[in-house]
Amino acid sequence: MASKASISSSSAARVLSEAISRIADLWGLSNARLGTILGLSAPTVSRLRSGSYRLEPGSKPFELGQHLLRLFRSLDSWLGQDDHSARSWLATPNLDLGARPIDLLPTVQGLLRTGDYVDALRARV
């Protein structure tokens, strides 16, 4: 019988992996671009998207995937669940960030900075 920790770990791996695959589809991210964001090769991302590979809790790709999910949820909330607007926002040069947000995501600092920026926009009163 599997322990509770291994069940929750397995569940977290499945849920996050499926969420990241869906985000990539909604945002039109190629395997190569998603790979640069998560620190994985394009073939590994292909397996992730097909369901034959999972992001493992405790790994760097898992942690980066959590931050990508945070950014997705923040954008989704801020833009009213409009995926077209999210893709457009990511692809448009942003003066505050100094680049197109999509171009910042491959670095940890850029991913975190973009997530913090969107969270700050959502928090305005």
Protein backbone atom coordinates (compact mmCIF):
# COMPACT_ATOMS: atom_id res chain seq x y z
CA MET A 1 0.00 0.00 0.00
CA ALA A 2 1.36 3.41 -0.98
CA SER A 3 2.04 5.92 1.73
CA LYS A 4 0.04 9.12 1.98
CA ALA A 5 3.13 11.19 1.12
CA SER A 6 3.80 9.26 -2.09
CA ILE A 7 0.14 9.53 -3.13
CA SER A 8 0.11 13.29 -2.62
CA SER A 9 3.47 13.62 -4.36
CA SER A 10 2.20 11.60 -7.31
CA SER A 11 -0.98 13.63 -7.39
CA ALA A 12 0.94 16.92 -7.29
CA ALA A 13 3.14 15.74 -10.16
CA ARG A 14 0.12 14.78 -12.26
CA VAL A 15 -1.88 17.93 -11.53
CA LEU A 16 0.96 20.37 -12.16
CA SER A 17 2.13 18.54 -15.29
CA GLU A 18 -1.37 18.61 -16.76
CA ALA A 19 -1.80 22.27 -15.82
CA ILE A 20 1.49 23.26 -17.46
CA SER A 21 0.55 21.37 -20.62
CA ARG A 22 -2.76 23.19 -20.75
CA ILE A 23 -1.10 26.57 -20.18
CA ALA A 24 1.31 25.86 -23.03
CA ASP A 25 -1.63 25.04 -25.30
CA LEU A 26 -3.62 28.12 -24.30
CA TRP A 27 -0.63 30.46 -24.68
CA GLY A 28 0.61 28.79 -27.87
CA LEU A 29 4.01 27.93 -26.38
CA SER A 30 6.20 25.64 -28.47
CA ASN A 31 7.96 22.71 -26.84
CA ALA A 32 11.25 24.58 -27.21
CA ARG A 33 9.93 27.76 -25.54
CA LEU A 34 8.25 25.87 -22.70
CA GLY A 35 11.46 23.88 -22.29
CA THR A 36 13.51 27.04 -21.86
CA ILE A 37 11.07 28.27 -19.21
CA LEU A 38 11.11 24.99 -17.26
CA GLY A 39 14.74 24.06 -17.89
CA LEU A 40 13.81 20.96 -19.89
CA SER A 41 14.67 19.79 -23.39
CA ALA A 42 12.07 20.06 -26.16
CA PRO A 43 11.76 16.24 -26.38
CA THR A 44 11.12 16.06 -22.62
CA VAL A 45 8.46 18.77 -22.95
CA SER A 46 6.91 16.75 -25.78
CA ARG A 47 6.66 13.79 -23.40
CA LEU A 48 5.25 16.09 -20.71
CA ARG A 49 2.53 17.29 -23.07
CA SER A 50 1.69 13.73 -24.14
CA GLY A 51 1.40 12.64 -20.50
CA SER A 52 4.35 10.23 -20.48
CA TYR A 53 6.54 12.53 -18.33
CA ARG A 54 5.68 14.37 -15.13
CA LEU A 55 7.26 17.23 -13.27
CA GLU A 56 8.49 15.75 -10.00
CA PRO A 57 7.97 17.59 -6.69
CA GLY A 58 11.24 18.93 -5.35
CA SER A 59 12.79 19.33 -8.79
CA LYS A 60 13.72 22.68 -10.33
CA PRO A 61 11.31 22.19 -13.30
CA PHE A 62 8.49 21.51 -10.82
CA GLU A 63 9.30 24.72 -8.94
CA LEU A 64 9.46 26.74 -12.17
CA GLY A 65 6.19 25.14 -13.25
CA GLN A 66 4.59 26.35 -10.03
CA HIS A 67 5.71 29.89 -10.80
CA LEU A 68 4.41 29.62 -14.36
CA LEU A 69 1.07 28.42 -13.00
CA ARG A 70 1.02 31.37 -10.58
CA LEU A 71 1.58 33.76 -13.50
CA PHE A 72 -1.16 32.06 -15.51
CA ARG A 73 -3.65 32.29 -12.66
CA SER A 74 -2.81 35.94 -12.03
CA LEU A 75 -3.17 36.85 -15.71
CA ASP A 76 -6.36 34.80 -15.96
CA SER A 77 -7.85 36.66 -13.00
CA TRP A 78 -6.65 40.09 -14.14
CA LEU A 79 -7.80 39.69 -17.75
CA GLY A 80 -11.11 37.99 -17.02
CA GLN A 81 -10.19 34.54 -18.34
CA ASP A 82 -9.52 35.88 -21.84
CA ASP A 83 -6.78 33.66 -23.28
CA HIS A 84 -6.40 35.81 -26.40
CA SER A 85 -5.76 38.88 -24.24
CA ALA A 86 -3.23 36.93 -22.16
CA ARG A 87 -1.33 35.84 -25.29
CA SER A 88 -1.42 39.41 -26.56
CA TRP A 89 -0.21 40.84 -23.24
CA LEU A 90 2.66 38.36 -23.12
CA ALA A 91 3.75 39.23 -26.68
CA THR A 92 3.52 43.02 -26.36
CA PRO A 93 6.54 45.07 -25.25
CA ASN A 94 6.03 46.27 -21.69
CA LEU A 95 7.70 49.52 -20.69
CA ASP A 96 7.61 48.71 -16.98
CA LEU A 97 9.29 45.34 -17.49
CA GLY A 98 11.58 46.60 -20.25
CA ALA A 99 10.76 43.75 -22.64
CA ARG A 100 7.99 41.54 -23.91
CA PRO A 101 6.88 39.47 -20.90
CA ILE A 102 7.18 36.22 -22.90
CA ASP A 103 10.87 36.99 -23.46
CA LEU A 104 11.48 37.33 -19.72
CA LEU A 105 10.02 33.95 -18.75
CA PRO A 106 13.05 31.77 -19.61
CA THR A 107 15.02 33.16 -16.67
CA VAL A 108 14.05 32.57 -13.07
CA GLN A 109 14.39 36.28 -12.32
CA GLY A 110 12.25 37.19 -15.34
CA LEU A 111 9.55 34.65 -14.48
CA LEU A 112 9.35 35.84 -10.89
CA ARG A 113 9.48 39.52 -11.85
CA THR A 114 6.68 39.08 -14.39
CA GLY A 115 4.55 37.20 -11.85
CA ASP A 116 5.13 39.88 -9.23
CA TYR A 117 4.28 42.59 -11.76
CA VAL A 118 0.94 40.99 -12.67
CA ASP A 119 0.14 40.41 -8.99
CA ALA A 120 0.80 44.10 -8.31
CA LEU A 121 -1.52 45.09 -11.17
CA ARG A 122 -4.27 42.89 -9.77
CA ALA A 123 -3.84 44.36 -6.28
CA ARG A 124 -4.42 47.98 -7.31
CA VAL A 125 -7.26 49.62 -5.46
